[in-house]
Amino acid sequence: MSGDRRPMIELEIPGEPVGKRRPKVFPVKTRAGFIVRRGVTPEKTLSYETLIRELFAVKYPGFRPLEGPLALEVEAFLGIPKSASRKKREGMEAGIIIPEKRPDFDNLAKTAADALQGLAFRDDAQISDGVIRKRWGAVPGMRILISRVSE
């Protein structure tokens, strides 16, 4: 985030970061006999969003959602593969080797924004600035920072 902007919310989520996945779409027959398509969010995405919400509720009990324009910063630390050589592992831990694998950076932000909508802020449309970083980490996890954008 830029310069003097201090985060109002800082949240650490342990475990391998999960990006937002597309819902699986199924045809469903309604009572009136019509076939409609319903989307079901994958369980892995739902579980990760639930974890984010629960950690937020524990760290910020009674928090009232922020109003106005906000900045969202997401730092995702992907677990280093066990198969990585010692030299490659050192490069990954030092930030010299950057991940080029899934989850996609935009899906990481979407997971964070969707999970915190209604808790940390009223609507994810309030997010006007964003930074997303993917790095390798000896300990996988995600860090979410939210701050106000000064007008």
Foldseek 3Di string as FASTA:
>chain_A
DDDPFDFPDKFKFFDAQDFFDWFDWDWDQDPVGDTDIDTDGDPVLVVSLVSRLVRLCVVDPPDAADDAAKEKEKEWAHEDDPPDDPVVVVCQAVQVDADPDDDDQVRSVVSNQVSCDPPHHPHSVSYDHYHTGYGHHNTTIMMMTMTHDDD
